[in-house]
Each structure stands twice: as structure tokens, then as C-alpha cells.
Amino acid sequence: FDEEGRYVCKKCGLVSGTDLISELTIDKNNWDGSDWAITKDFVGIRIGLLAPHHLIVISARLYHLLKKHNAKGFAVERVHLL
């Protein structure tokens, strides 16, 4: 619970935690076409051993290469380019 309202999303009212509460959207004018990038903003809050972290964003081309070579140890979510 966040009684102070420090970690509450102003749009949906949900409390942020260790997971995203909405899908990541990137302005395509800010994307340089690289195969990977790291978000400027952090996700999550500090709770015990958990700490806020950046998200790594990869291109569809890199995703297909990793999938082709059966890379393991990561989870993928779709990013929206607007």
C-alpha cells in the first residue's frame, strides 16, 4: 500500500511495483534505428533487495536473431512505436 501516494499512477490509479502497469510506448522520432537501447526512466521501487531498474528495448530484428539461436534467460514484451 502507498498511503502517501508517491507511487500511484495519476492516469489509472494503480500502485507501481516491480512490474509495468502499462505497455511501453516509444516516440519513433526519438528512435535512432539501433537494435537495442535502454530506457531513460527507471521502473519499480526499492523494496528490500529489489531496486528500480532500466528496461532494455530491442528491435524486431534482434529479437528474431535471439529466437533463431534459442537464446534464453529473458522475457519479452511488445513495445509500441508511435
PDB file of N, CA and C in Angstrom:
ATOM      1  N   PHE A   1       0.831  -1.183   0.000  1.00  0.00           N
ATOM      2  CA  PHE A   1       0.000   0.000   0.000  1.00  0.00           C
ATOM      3  C   PHE A   1       0.873   1.243   0.000  1.00  0.00           C
ATOM      4  N   ASP A   2       0.419   2.257  -0.694  1.00  0.00           N
ATOM      5  CA  ASP A   2       1.155   3.516  -0.782  1.00  0.00           C
ATOM      6  C   ASP A   2       0.253   4.616  -0.247  1.00  0.00           C
ATOM      7  N   GLU A   3       0.233   4.754   1.074  1.00  0.00           N
ATOM      8  CA  GLU A   3      -0.660   5.719   1.708  1.00  0.00           C
ATOM      9  C   GLU A   3      -0.302   7.161   1.375  1.00  0.00           C
ATOM     10  N   GLU A   4       0.985   7.429   1.061  1.00  0.00           N
ATOM     11  CA  GLU A   4       1.408   8.786   0.731  1.00  0.00           C
ATOM     12  C   GLU A   4       1.103   9.143  -0.720  1.00  0.00           C
ATOM     13  N   GLY A   5       0.818   8.142  -1.554  1.00  0.00           N
ATOM     14  CA  GLY A   5       0.520   8.388  -2.955  1.00  0.00           C
ATOM     15  C   GLY A   5       1.737   8.705  -3.807  1.00  0.00           C
ATOM     16  N   ARG A   6       2.932   8.325  -3.342  1.00  0.00           N
ATOM     17  CA  ARG A   6       4.161   8.619  -4.086  1.00  0.00           C
ATOM     18  C   ARG A   6       4.300   7.776  -5.349  1.00  0.00           C
ATOM     19  N   TYR A   7       3.775   6.553  -5.337  1.00  0.00           N
ATOM     20  CA  TYR A   7       3.991   5.635  -6.450  1.00  0.00           C
ATOM     21  C   TYR A   7       2.695   5.267  -7.173  1.00  0.00           C
ATOM     22  N   VAL A   8       1.711   6.131  -7.086  1.00  0.00           N
ATOM     23  CA  VAL A   8       0.425   5.874  -7.725  1.00  0.00           C
ATOM     24  C   VAL A   8       0.411   6.525  -9.108  1.00  0.00           C
ATOM     25  N   CYS A   9       0.004   5.747 -10.115  1.00  0.00           N
ATOM     26  CA  CYS A   9      -0.114   6.271 -11.474  1.00  0.00           C
ATOM     27  C   CYS A   9      -1.265   7.272 -11.503  1.00  0.00           C
ATOM     28  N   LYS A  10      -0.990   8.467 -11.964  1.00  0.00           N
ATOM     29  CA  LYS A  10      -2.019   9.515 -11.983  1.00  0.00           C
ATOM     30  C   LYS A  10      -3.119   9.238 -13.009  1.00  0.00           C
ATOM     31  N   LYS A  11      -2.796   8.425 -14.029  1.00  0.00           N
ATOM     32  CA  LYS A  11      -3.787   8.125 -15.065  1.00  0.00           C
ATOM     33  C   LYS A  11      -4.734   7.008 -14.664  1.00  0.00           C
ATOM     34  N   CYS A  12      -4.197   5.916 -14.070  1.00  0.00           N
ATOM     35  CA  CYS A  12      -5.060   4.757 -13.811  1.00  0.00           C
ATOM     36  C   CYS A  12      -5.287   4.486 -12.328  1.00  0.00           C
ATOM     37  N   GLY A  13      -4.504   5.131 -11.439  1.00  0.00           N
ATOM     38  CA  GLY A  13      -4.707   4.941 -10.012  1.00  0.00           C
ATOM     39  C   GLY A  13      -4.054   3.701  -9.425  1.00  0.00           C
ATOM     40  N   LEU A  14      -3.337   2.907 -10.244  1.00  0.00           N
ATOM     41  CA  LEU A  14      -2.667   1.715  -9.741  1.00  0.00           C
ATOM     42  C   LEU A  14      -1.340   2.083  -9.089  1.00  0.00           C
ATOM     43  N   VAL A  15      -0.901   1.260  -8.137  1.00  0.00           N
ATOM     44  CA  VAL A  15       0.371   1.485  -7.468  1.00  0.00           C
ATOM     45  C   VAL A  15       1.455   0.748  -8.235  1.00  0.00           C
ATOM     46  N   SER A  16       2.545   1.475  -8.541  1.00  0.00           N
ATOM     47  CA  SER A  16       3.649   0.828  -9.260  1.00  0.00           C
ATOM     48  C   SER A  16       4.401  -0.084  -8.309  1.00  0.00           C
ATOM     49  N   GLY A  17       5.019  -1.087  -8.874  1.00  0.00           N
ATOM     50  CA  GLY A  17       5.766  -2.040  -8.077  1.00  0.00           C
ATOM     51  C   GLY A  17       6.925  -2.586  -8.879  1.00  0.00           C
ATOM     52  N   THR A  18       7.022  -3.896  -8.976  1.00  0.00           N
ATOM     53  CA  THR A  18       8.129  -4.496  -9.694  1.00  0.00           C
ATOM     54  C   THR A  18       7.792  -4.768 -11.156  1.00  0.00           C
ATOM     55  N   ASP A  19       6.547  -4.571 -11.552  1.00  0.00           N
ATOM     56  CA  ASP A  19       6.122  -4.837 -12.921  1.00  0.00           C
ATOM     57  C   ASP A  19       5.583  -3.577 -13.570  1.00  0.00           C
ATOM     58  N   LEU A  20       5.566  -3.583 -14.894  1.00  0.00           N
ATOM     59  CA  LEU A  20       4.963  -2.469 -15.622  1.00  0.00           C
ATOM     60  C   LEU A  20       3.464  -2.488 -15.409  1.00  0.00           C
ATOM     61  N   ILE A  21       2.860  -1.314 -15.305  1.00  0.00           N
ATOM     62  CA  ILE A  21       1.399  -1.250 -15.176  1.00  0.00           C
ATOM     63  C   ILE A  21       0.756  -0.842 -16.492  1.00  0.00           C
ATOM     64  N   SER A  22       1.573  -0.533 -17.486  1.00  0.00           N
ATOM     65  CA  SER A  22       1.064  -0.240 -18.820  1.00  0.00           C
ATOM     66  C   SER A  22       2.141  -0.622 -19.836  1.00  0.00           C
ATOM     67  N   GLU A  23       1.753  -0.727 -21.096  1.00  0.00           N
ATOM     68  CA  GLU A  23       2.707  -1.104 -22.129  1.00  0.00           C
ATOM     69  C   GLU A  23       3.651   0.060 -22.423  1.00  0.00           C
ATOM     70  N   LEU A  24       4.876  -0.276 -22.768  1.00  0.00           N
ATOM     71  CA  LEU A  24       5.871   0.731 -23.091  1.00  0.00           C
ATOM     72  C   LEU A  24       5.595   1.297 -24.478  1.00  0.00           C
ATOM     73  N   THR A  25       5.589   2.609 -24.581  1.00  0.00           N
ATOM     74  CA  THR A  25       5.378   3.295 -25.860  1.00  0.00           C
ATOM     75  C   THR A  25       6.568   4.200 -26.118  1.00  0.00           C
ATOM     76  N   ILE A  26       7.080   4.156 -27.350  1.00  0.00           N
ATOM     77  CA  ILE A  26       8.236   4.961 -27.731  1.00  0.00           C
ATOM     78  C   ILE A  26       7.862   5.845 -28.915  1.00  0.00           C
ATOM     79  N   ASP A  27       8.254   7.105 -28.834  1.00  0.00           N
ATOM     80  CA  ASP A  27       8.061   8.029 -29.945  1.00  0.00           C
ATOM     81  C   ASP A  27       9.080   7.672 -31.016  1.00  0.00           C
ATOM     82  N   LYS A  28       8.622   7.269 -32.201  1.00  0.00           N
ATOM     83  CA  LYS A  28       9.555   6.807 -33.232  1.00  0.00           C
ATOM     84  C   LYS A  28      10.498   7.905 -33.694  1.00  0.00           C
ATOM     85  N   ASN A  29      10.162   9.168 -33.433  1.00  0.00           N
ATOM     86  CA  ASN A  29      11.083  10.258 -33.751  1.00  0.00           C
ATOM     87  C   ASN A  29      12.297  10.263 -32.824  1.00  0.00           C
ATOM     88  N   ASN A  30      12.187   9.606 -31.667  1.00  0.00           N
ATOM     89  CA  ASN A  30      13.294   9.525 -30.713  1.00  0.00           C
ATOM     90  C   ASN A  30      14.109   8.245 -30.867  1.00  0.00           C
ATOM     91  N   TRP A  31      13.726   7.362 -31.789  1.00  0.00           N
ATOM     92  CA  TRP A  31      14.437   6.111 -32.001  1.00  0.00           C
ATOM     93  C   TRP A  31      15.405   6.279 -33.160  1.00  0.00           C
ATOM     94  N   ASP A  32      16.666   5.944 -32.935  1.00  0.00           N
ATOM     95  CA  ASP A  32      17.698   6.140 -33.965  1.00  0.00           C
ATOM     96  C   ASP A  32      17.873   4.929 -34.874  1.00  0.00           C
ATOM     97  N   GLY A  33      17.021   3.908 -34.713  1.00  0.00           N
ATOM     98  CA  GLY A  33      17.104   2.722 -35.561  1.00  0.00           C
ATOM     99  C   GLY A  33      18.036   1.649 -35.030  1.00  0.00           C
ATOM    100  N   SER A  34      18.617   1.868 -33.848  1.00  0.00           N
ATOM    101  CA  SER A  34      19.539   0.875 -33.284  1.00  0.00           C
ATOM    102  C   SER A  34      18.792  -0.388 -32.878  1.00  0.00           C
ATOM    103  N   ASP A  35      19.538  -1.477 -32.730  1.00  0.00           N
ATOM    104  CA  ASP A  35      18.939  -2.763 -32.384  1.00  0.00           C
ATOM    105  C   ASP A  35      18.663  -2.913 -30.891  1.00  0.00           C
ATOM    106  N   TRP A  36      19.272  -2.106 -30.071  1.00  0.00           N
ATOM    107  CA  TRP A  36      18.955  -2.142 -28.647  1.00  0.00           C
ATOM    108  C   TRP A  36      19.175  -0.772 -28.026  1.00  0.00           C
ATOM    109  N   ALA A  37      18.425  -0.518 -26.950  1.00  0.00           N
ATOM    110  CA  ALA A  37      18.525   0.749 -26.222  1.00  0.00           C
ATOM    111  C   ALA A  37      18.085   0.499 -24.786  1.00  0.00           C
ATOM    112  N   ILE A  38      18.374   1.441 -23.929  1.00  0.00           N
ATOM    113  CA  ILE A  38      17.984   1.359 -22.523  1.00  0.00           C
ATOM    114  C   ILE A  38      17.113   2.570 -22.221  1.00  0.00           C
ATOM    115  N   THR A  39      16.024   2.348 -21.485  1.00  0.00           N
ATOM    116  CA  THR A  39      15.136   3.461 -21.160  1.00  0.00           C
ATOM    117  C   THR A  39      15.824   4.466 -20.248  1.00  0.00           C
ATOM    118  N   LYS A  40      15.452   5.718 -20.403  1.00  0.00           N
ATOM    119  CA  LYS A  40      15.990   6.797 -19.575  1.00  0.00           C
ATOM    120  C   LYS A  40      15.413   6.699 -18.159  1.00  0.00           C
ATOM    121  N   ASP A  41      14.136   6.352 -18.060  1.00  0.00           N
ATOM    122  CA  ASP A  41      13.453   6.277 -16.768  1.00  0.00           C
ATOM    123  C   ASP A  41      13.583   4.886 -16.158  1.00  0.00           C
ATOM    124  N   PHE A  42      13.477   4.829 -14.845  1.00  0.00           N
ATOM    125  CA  PHE A  42      13.521   3.574 -14.113  1.00  0.00           C
ATOM    126  C   PHE A  42      12.114   3.003 -13.954  1.00  0.00           C
ATOM    127  N   VAL A  43      12.029   1.699 -13.720  1.00  0.00           N
ATOM    128  CA  VAL A  43      10.777   1.005 -13.446  1.00  0.00           C
ATOM    129  C   VAL A  43      10.912   0.351 -12.079  1.00  0.00           C
ATOM    130  N   GLY A  44       9.870   0.426 -11.272  1.00  0.00           N
ATOM    131  CA  GLY A  44       9.874  -0.227  -9.966  1.00  0.00           C
ATOM    132  C   GLY A  44      10.244   0.717  -8.844  1.00  0.00           C
ATOM    133  N   ILE A  45      10.161   0.198  -7.632  1.00  0.00           N
ATOM    134  CA  ILE A  45      10.526   0.947  -6.433  1.00  0.00           C
ATOM    135  C   ILE A  45      11.441   0.088  -5.586  1.00  0.00           C
ATOM    136  N   ARG A  46      12.180   0.703  -4.690  1.00  0.00           N
ATOM    137  CA  ARG A  46      13.094  -0.036  -3.825  1.00  0.00           C
ATOM    138  C   ARG A  46      12.304  -0.698  -2.698  1.00  0.00           C
ATOM    139  N   ILE A  47      12.370  -2.036  -2.661  1.00  0.00           N
ATOM    140  CA  ILE A  47      11.724  -2.815  -1.604  1.00  0.00           C
ATOM    141  C   ILE A  47      12.681  -3.957  -1.270  1.00  0.00           C
ATOM    142  N   GLY A  48      13.315  -3.901  -0.104  1.00  0.00           N
ATOM    143  CA  GLY A  48      14.244  -4.968   0.273  1.00  0.00           C
ATOM    144  C   GLY A  48      15.375  -5.080  -0.742  1.00  0.00           C
ATOM    145  N   LEU A  49      15.519  -6.260  -1.349  1.00  0.00           N
ATOM    146  CA  LEU A  49      16.577  -6.488  -2.328  1.00  0.00           C
ATOM    147  C   LEU A  49      16.216  -5.982  -3.717  1.00  0.00           C
ATOM    148  N   LEU A  50      14.941  -5.689  -3.950  1.00  0.00           N
ATOM    149  CA  LEU A  50      14.517  -5.195  -5.260  1.00  0.00           C
ATOM    150  C   LEU A  50      14.839  -3.712  -5.389  1.00  0.00           C
ATOM    151  N   ALA A  51      15.310  -3.327  -6.557  1.00  0.00           N
ATOM    152  CA  ALA A  51      15.665  -1.928  -6.799  1.00  0.00           C
ATOM    153  C   ALA A  51      15.115  -1.492  -8.151  1.00  0.00           C
ATOM    154  N   PRO A  52      14.823  -0.195  -8.313  1.00  0.00           N
ATOM    155  CA  PRO A  52      14.386   0.296  -9.616  1.00  0.00           C
ATOM    156  C   PRO A  52      15.430  -0.031 -10.689  1.00  0.00           C
ATOM    157  N   HIS A  53      14.972  -0.257 -11.906  1.00  0.00           N
ATOM    158  CA  HIS A  53      15.880  -0.642 -12.989  1.00  0.00           C
ATOM    159  C   HIS A  53      15.410  -0.049 -14.318  1.00  0.00           C
ATOM    160  N   HIS A  54      16.330   0.032 -15.244  1.00  0.00           N
ATOM    161  CA  HIS A  54      16.001   0.469 -16.602  1.00  0.00           C
ATOM    162  C   HIS A  54      15.460  -0.731 -17.380  1.00  0.00           C
ATOM    163  N   LEU A  55      14.725  -0.467 -18.440  1.00  0.00           N
ATOM    164  CA  LEU A  55      14.284  -1.521 -19.343  1.00  0.00           C
ATOM    165  C   LEU A  55      15.201  -1.528 -20.561  1.00  0.00           C
ATOM    166  N   ILE A  56      15.496  -2.719 -21.073  1.00  0.00           N
ATOM    167  CA  ILE A  56      16.260  -2.854 -22.304  1.00  0.00           C
ATOM    168  C   ILE A  56      15.260  -3.069 -23.427  1.00  0.00           C
ATOM    169  N   VAL A  57      15.366  -2.240 -24.452  1.00  0.00           N
ATOM    170  CA  VAL A  57      14.458  -2.317 -25.599  1.00  0.00           C
ATOM    171  C   VAL A  57      15.261  -2.844 -26.783  1.00  0.00           C
ATOM    172  N   ILE A  58      14.731  -3.879 -27.453  1.00  0.00           N
ATOM    173  CA  ILE A  58      15.427  -4.449 -28.608  1.00  0.00           C
ATOM    174  C   ILE A  58      14.546  -4.352 -29.847  1.00  0.00           C
ATOM    175  N   SER A  59      15.190  -4.327 -30.993  1.00  0.00           N
ATOM    176  CA  SER A  59      14.458  -4.251 -32.259  1.00  0.00           C
ATOM    177  C   SER A  59      13.870  -5.616 -32.600  1.00  0.00           C
ATOM    178  N   ALA A  60      12.933  -5.624 -33.520  1.00  0.00           N
ATOM    179  CA  ALA A  60      12.364  -6.888 -34.003  1.00  0.00           C
ATOM    180  C   ALA A  60      13.458  -7.729 -34.648  1.00  0.00           C
ATOM    181  N   ARG A  61      14.393  -7.075 -35.334  1.00  0.00           N
ATOM    182  CA  ARG A  61      15.495  -7.788 -35.988  1.00  0.00           C
ATOM    183  C   ARG A  61      16.350  -8.537 -34.957  1.00  0.00           C
ATOM    184  N   LEU A  62      16.701  -7.875 -33.839  1.00  0.00           N
ATOM    185  CA  LEU A  62      17.479  -8.530 -32.783  1.00  0.00           C
ATOM    186  C   LEU A  62      16.662  -9.622 -32.109  1.00  0.00           C
ATOM    187  N   TYR A  63      15.377  -9.381 -31.887  1.00  0.00           N
ATOM    188  CA  TYR A  63      14.512 -10.398 -31.287  1.00  0.00           C
ATOM    189  C   TYR A  63      14.509 -11.676 -32.132  1.00  0.00           C
ATOM    190  N   HIS A  64      14.355 -11.542 -33.443  1.00  0.00           N
ATOM    191  CA  HIS A  64      14.324 -12.717 -34.318  1.00  0.00           C
ATOM    192  C   HIS A  64      15.667 -13.437 -34.338  1.00  0.00           C
ATOM    193  N   LEU A  65      16.767 -12.695 -34.244  1.00  0.00           N
ATOM    194  CA  LEU A  65      18.088 -13.312 -34.179  1.00  0.00           C
ATOM    195  C   LEU A  65      18.245 -14.121 -32.887  1.00  0.00           C
ATOM    196  N   LEU A  66      17.834 -13.548 -31.763  1.00  0.00           N
ATOM    197  CA  LEU A  66      17.905 -14.258 -30.485  1.00  0.00           C
ATOM    198  C   LEU A  66      17.025 -15.505 -30.501  1.00  0.00           C
ATOM    199  N   LYS A  67      15.836 -15.375 -31.058  1.00  0.00           N
ATOM    200  CA  LYS A  67      14.908 -16.507 -31.138  1.00  0.00           C
ATOM    201  C   LYS A  67      15.482 -17.610 -32.035  1.00  0.00           C
ATOM    202  N   LYS A  68      16.085 -17.223 -33.159  1.00  0.00           N
ATOM    203  CA  LYS A  68      16.671 -18.184 -34.091  1.00  0.00           C
ATOM    204  C   LYS A  68      17.768 -19.015 -33.423  1.00  0.00           C
ATOM    205  N   HIS A  69      18.523 -18.390 -32.514  1.00  0.00           N
ATOM    206  CA  HIS A  69      19.622 -19.074 -31.833  1.00  0.00           C
ATOM    207  C   HIS A  69      19.224 -19.600 -30.454  1.00  0.00           C
ATOM    208  N   ASN A  70      17.921 -19.669 -30.197  1.00  0.00           N
ATOM    209  CA  ASN A  70      17.380 -20.223 -28.941  1.00  0.00           C
ATOM    210  C   ASN A  70      17.970 -19.583 -27.690  1.00  0.00           C
ATOM    211  N   ALA A  71      18.135 -18.261 -27.713  1.00  0.00           N
ATOM    212  CA  ALA A  71      18.642 -17.546 -26.541  1.00  0.00           C
ATOM    213  C   ALA A  71      17.644 -17.679 -25.396  1.00  0.00           C
ATOM    214  N   LYS A  72      18.161 -17.805 -24.184  1.00  0.00           N
ATOM    215  CA  LYS A  72      17.309 -17.995 -23.008  1.00  0.00           C
ATOM    216  C   LYS A  72      17.693 -17.004 -21.916  1.00  0.00           C
ATOM    217  N   GLY A  73      16.849 -16.897 -20.898  1.00  0.00           N
ATOM    218  CA  GLY A  73      17.154 -16.084 -19.736  1.00  0.00           C
ATOM    219  C   GLY A  73      16.591 -14.681 -19.771  1.00  0.00           C
ATOM    220  N   PHE A  74      15.610 -14.447 -20.611  1.00  0.00           N
ATOM    221  CA  PHE A  74      14.987 -13.127 -20.664  1.00  0.00           C
ATOM    222  C   PHE A  74      13.520 -13.277 -21.047  1.00  0.00           C
ATOM    223  N   ALA A  75      12.759 -12.244 -20.712  1.00  0.00           N
ATOM    224  CA  ALA A  75      11.345 -12.197 -21.088  1.00  0.00           C
ATOM    225  C   ALA A  75      11.145 -11.027 -22.037  1.00  0.00           C
ATOM    226  N   VAL A  76      10.206 -11.168 -22.940  1.00  0.00           N
ATOM    227  CA  VAL A  76       9.976 -10.148 -23.961  1.00  0.00           C
ATOM    228  C   VAL A  76       8.539  -9.652 -23.879  1.00  0.00           C
ATOM    229  N   GLU A  77       8.397  -8.351 -23.992  1.00  0.00           N
ATOM    230  CA  GLU A  77       7.068  -7.740 -24.110  1.00  0.00           C
ATOM    231  C   GLU A  77       7.105  -6.801 -25.307  1.00  0.00           C
ATOM    232  N   ARG A  78       5.985  -6.662 -25.969  1.00  0.00           N
ATOM    233  CA  ARG A  78       5.900  -5.802 -27.156  1.00  0.00           C
ATOM    234  C   ARG A  78       5.948  -4.331 -26.749  1.00  0.00           C
ATOM    235  N   VAL A  79       6.682  -3.558 -27.546  1.00  0.00           N
ATOM    236  CA  VAL A  79       6.774  -2.110 -27.367  1.00  0.00           C
ATOM    237  C   VAL A  79       6.039  -1.461 -28.513  1.00  0.00           C
ATOM    238  N   HIS A  80       5.319  -0.381 -28.231  1.00  0.00           N
ATOM    239  CA  HIS A  80       4.578   0.314 -29.284  1.00  0.00           C
ATOM    240  C   HIS A  80       5.388   1.515 -29.755  1.00  0.00           C
ATOM    241  N   LEU A  81       5.616   1.591 -31.055  1.00  0.00           N
ATOM    242  CA  LEU A  81       6.307   2.719 -31.673  1.00  0.00           C
ATOM    243  C   LEU A  81       5.259   3.639 -32.271  1.00  0.00           C
ATOM    244  N   LEU A  82       5.168   4.842 -31.787  1.00  0.00           N
ATOM    245  CA  LEU A  82       4.175   5.801 -32.278  1.00  0.00           C
ATOM    246  C   LEU A  82       4.844   6.991 -32.925  1.00  0.00           C
TER     247      LEU A  82
END
